[in-house]
């Protein structure tokens, strides 16, 4: 695997931030990943975090914690509410479909609740204040179309989380901006964006 691999560059930048380098506002790192290899990328990152089985090595003074967003989602109140209301919503009249009403409700609340869950149940209080603790937010695609990386990062920033945060982003790079599952392209300020897209070739051992 070459030094120019965006997969390797993502891990390297995470370690660099965790060792004290500052980002635009917070030490957040985001890398585009081909949606077809998002789950494989997440599995590899979890293995890297727990076993240090691939380069670059995780520094001794850095800890890495994977958080699976698809497992976090069902723990949110808004998810449980929408499951409970699924049938009544489908019976409501109006111009919006039940699916559109569900999507709007999820978009309004989901990022806030996901971050609340992380803070209350997943990330230790001391780690929230420590840049040398890395939080990997994995399987972002499971939240589509209800919330985006930008909304999660904005909420983490609003909560003043100081841990280093890394997000593999399922989408393309279009004109230097990230496009989430073919949607509008945008810059994900305040995250540092890795050049290129992680593809199958970059995951070859």
Protein backbone atom coordinates (compact mmCIF):
# COMPACT_ATOMS: atom_id res chain seq x y z
CA UNK A 1 0.00 0.00 0.00
CA UNK A 2 1.54 3.32 -1.05
CA UNK A 3 2.00 6.42 1.06
CA UNK A 4 -0.54 8.22 -1.17
CA UNK A 5 -3.35 5.84 -0.21
CA UNK A 6 -6.25 7.90 1.22
CA UNK A 7 -6.95 5.03 3.64
CA UNK A 8 -3.44 5.24 5.06
CA UNK A 9 -3.49 9.06 4.95
CA UNK A 10 -6.73 9.03 6.99
CA UNK A 11 -5.18 6.92 9.74
CA UNK A 12 -1.95 8.93 9.65
CA UNK A 13 -3.77 12.28 10.01
CA UNK A 14 -5.86 10.89 12.88
CA UNK A 15 -2.66 9.93 14.71
CA UNK A 16 -1.10 13.32 13.94
CA UNK A 17 -4.09 15.17 15.38
CA UNK A 18 -4.17 12.85 18.39
CA UNK A 19 -0.52 13.76 19.07
CA UNK A 20 -1.45 17.43 19.38
CA UNK A 21 -1.87 19.03 15.93
CA UNK A 22 -4.94 21.26 15.72
CA UNK A 23 -7.53 21.27 12.99
CA UNK A 24 -9.59 24.18 11.68
CA UNK A 25 -11.46 24.33 14.98
CA UNK A 26 -11.34 20.82 16.38
CA UNK A 27 -9.24 17.77 15.46
CA UNK A 28 -11.83 16.23 13.13
CA UNK A 29 -10.79 14.15 10.09
CA UNK A 30 -13.04 12.94 7.27
CA UNK A 31 -12.25 10.73 4.28
CA UNK A 32 -14.45 9.79 1.34
CA UNK A 33 -14.94 6.04 0.89
CA UNK A 34 -16.51 4.14 -2.00
CA UNK A 35 -19.94 3.17 -0.57
CA UNK A 36 -19.44 -0.39 -1.79
CA UNK A 37 -16.48 -0.84 0.59
CA UNK A 38 -17.75 1.25 3.52
CA UNK A 39 -18.40 -1.79 5.73
CA UNK A 40 -15.08 -3.38 4.87
CA UNK A 41 -13.30 -0.11 5.62
CA UNK A 42 -15.08 0.08 8.98
CA UNK A 43 -14.06 -3.49 9.82
CA UNK A 44 -10.45 -2.75 8.92
CA UNK A 45 -10.44 0.39 11.04
CA UNK A 46 -11.86 -1.52 14.00
CA UNK A 47 -9.12 -4.11 13.59
CA UNK A 48 -6.49 -1.37 13.37
CA UNK A 49 -7.86 0.22 16.55
CA UNK A 50 -7.96 -2.98 18.58
CA UNK A 51 -5.06 -5.00 17.25
CA UNK A 52 -2.73 -2.39 15.69
CA UNK A 53 -2.44 -4.92 12.88
CA UNK A 54 -1.55 -2.48 10.11
CA UNK A 55 0.40 0.71 9.52
CA UNK A 56 0.68 3.36 10.66
CA UNK A 57 1.11 2.10 14.22
CA UNK A 58 -0.99 3.81 16.87
CA UNK A 59 1.30 5.79 19.21
CA UNK A 60 1.55 4.50 22.76
CA UNK A 61 -0.01 7.67 24.17
CA UNK A 62 -3.05 7.49 21.82
CA UNK A 63 -6.23 5.48 22.36
CA UNK A 64 -8.70 4.65 19.57
CA UNK A 65 -12.39 3.90 20.16
CA UNK A 66 -14.67 2.73 17.32
CA UNK A 67 -18.35 3.68 17.60
CA UNK A 68 -20.78 1.92 15.26
CA UNK A 69 -23.45 4.41 14.25
CA UNK A 70 -25.79 1.66 13.01
CA UNK A 71 -25.77 0.19 16.54
CA UNK A 72 -26.19 3.59 18.15
CA UNK A 73 -29.21 4.55 16.01
CA UNK A 74 -31.78 2.18 17.62
CA UNK A 75 -30.85 3.51 21.08
CA UNK A 76 -32.07 7.02 20.31
CA UNK A 77 -35.44 8.26 21.53
CA UNK A 78 -36.32 9.66 18.12
CA UNK A 79 -35.82 6.24 16.50
CA UNK A 80 -38.02 4.53 19.08
CA UNK A 81 -40.66 7.24 18.69
CA UNK A 82 -40.75 6.85 14.93
CA UNK A 83 -41.04 3.08 15.20
CA UNK A 84 -43.99 3.54 17.56
CA UNK A 85 -45.59 6.15 15.29
CA UNK A 86 -44.87 4.41 12.00
CA UNK A 87 -48.43 3.18 11.40
CA UNK A 88 -50.24 6.31 12.69
CA UNK A 89 -47.96 8.50 10.54
CA UNK A 90 -48.86 6.47 7.47
CA UNK A 91 -52.56 7.18 8.10
CA UNK A 92 -52.19 10.96 8.37
CA UNK A 93 -53.34 13.08 5.46
CA UNK A 94 -51.67 16.16 4.06
CA UNK A 95 -49.30 17.05 1.27
CA UNK A 96 -46.28 15.24 2.74
CA UNK A 97 -45.96 11.47 2.59
CA UNK A 98 -45.38 9.47 5.76
CA UNK A 99 -41.81 8.87 4.60
CA UNK A 100 -41.21 12.60 4.17
CA UNK A 101 -42.60 13.35 7.63
CA UNK A 102 -40.39 10.65 9.18
CA UNK A 103 -37.33 11.96 7.32
CA UNK A 104 -37.96 15.53 8.49
CA UNK A 105 -38.40 14.43 12.10
CA UNK A 106 -35.21 12.36 11.98
CA UNK A 107 -33.21 15.19 10.42
CA UNK A 108 -34.37 17.65 13.06
CA UNK A 109 -33.33 15.53 16.03
CA UNK A 110 -31.09 12.62 15.13
CA UNK A 111 -27.62 14.20 15.17
CA UNK A 112 -28.34 15.78 18.55
CA UNK A 113 -29.52 12.49 20.04
CA UNK A 114 -26.68 10.42 18.57
CA UNK A 115 -24.08 12.73 20.08
CA UNK A 116 -25.98 12.75 23.38
CA UNK A 117 -25.84 8.94 23.41
CA UNK A 118 -22.10 8.97 22.73
CA UNK A 119 -21.44 11.45 25.52
CA UNK A 120 -23.66 9.78 28.09
CA UNK A 121 -23.02 6.10 27.39
CA UNK A 122 -20.06 5.45 25.10
CA UNK A 123 -17.21 7.90 25.59
CA UNK A 124 -15.69 8.34 29.05
CA UNK A 125 -15.87 11.88 30.41
CA UNK A 126 -12.10 12.25 30.58
CA UNK A 127 -11.75 11.03 26.99
CA UNK A 128 -14.16 13.71 25.77
CA UNK A 129 -11.67 16.29 27.02
CA UNK A 130 -8.58 14.53 25.63
CA UNK A 131 -7.30 15.07 22.10
CA UNK A 132 -5.16 11.92 22.35
CA UNK A 133 -8.37 9.86 22.47
CA UNK A 134 -9.60 9.05 18.96
CA UNK A 135 -13.27 8.35 18.24
CA UNK A 136 -13.98 6.60 14.94
CA UNK A 137 -17.59 7.05 13.79
CA UNK A 138 -18.23 4.00 11.61
CA UNK A 139 -21.02 3.03 9.18
CA UNK A 140 -22.24 6.58 8.60
CA UNK A 141 -24.14 5.28 5.58
CA UNK A 142 -26.63 3.57 7.90
CA UNK A 143 -27.95 7.03 8.83
CA UNK A 144 -28.73 8.04 5.24
CA UNK A 145 -30.84 10.09 4.46
CA UNK A 146 -31.69 11.13 8.01
CA UNK A 147 -28.51 12.91 9.07
CA UNK A 148 -25.11 13.83 7.66
CA UNK A 149 -21.52 13.97 8.79
CA UNK A 150 -21.69 17.77 8.91
CA UNK A 151 -24.57 17.66 11.39
CA UNK A 152 -22.75 15.18 13.64
CA UNK A 153 -19.55 17.25 13.53
CA UNK A 154 -21.43 20.48 14.20
CA UNK A 155 -23.11 18.88 17.23
CA UNK A 156 -19.79 17.51 18.54
CA UNK A 157 -18.30 20.98 18.07
CA UNK A 158 -21.26 22.58 19.86
CA UNK A 159 -20.76 20.18 22.78
CA UNK A 160 -17.09 21.22 22.89
CA UNK A 161 -15.83 17.65 22.45
CA UNK A 162 -12.03 17.82 22.32
CA UNK A 163 -11.34 14.20 21.33
CA UNK A 164 -9.99 13.51 17.85
CA UNK A 165 -12.85 12.36 15.60
CA UNK A 166 -12.48 10.36 12.39
CA UNK A 167 -15.31 9.64 9.93
CA UNK A 168 -15.12 7.42 6.83
CA UNK A 169 -17.64 9.14 4.55
CA UNK A 170 -19.56 7.04 1.98
CA UNK A 171 -19.53 9.17 -1.13
CA UNK A 172 -17.49 10.86 -3.84
CA UNK A 173 -15.17 13.83 -4.07
CA UNK A 174 -16.64 16.34 -6.56
CA UNK A 175 -14.64 19.47 -7.24
CA UNK A 176 -12.82 19.12 -3.94
CA UNK A 177 -16.10 18.74 -2.05
CA UNK A 178 -17.72 15.63 -0.64
CA UNK A 179 -20.97 14.28 -2.07
CA UNK A 180 -22.96 12.02 0.29
CA UNK A 181 -24.52 9.18 -1.75
CA UNK A 182 -24.71 11.36 -4.85
CA UNK A 183 -26.27 14.35 -3.07
CA UNK A 184 -25.17 17.97 -3.15
CA UNK A 185 -21.42 18.46 -2.79
CA UNK A 186 -20.21 20.40 0.23
CA UNK A 187 -17.17 21.15 2.35
CA UNK A 188 -17.41 19.50 5.75
CA UNK A 189 -16.07 22.34 7.85
CA UNK A 190 -14.69 22.04 10.53
CA UNK A 191 -13.19 18.68 9.47
CA UNK A 192 -9.84 18.15 7.80
CA UNK A 193 -10.62 16.41 4.49
CA UNK A 194 -8.32 13.69 3.13
CA UNK A 195 -7.64 13.90 -0.61
CA UNK A 196 -9.05 11.15 -2.79
CA UNK A 197 -11.52 8.33 -2.14
CA UNK A 198 -10.83 5.08 -0.29
CA UNK A 199 -11.46 2.25 -2.75
CA UNK A 200 -11.06 -1.51 -2.87
CA UNK A 201 -7.48 -1.24 -4.08
CA UNK A 202 -6.49 0.73 -0.97
CA UNK A 203 -7.73 -2.06 1.31
CA UNK A 204 -5.48 -4.73 -0.20
CA UNK A 205 -3.08 -6.05 2.42
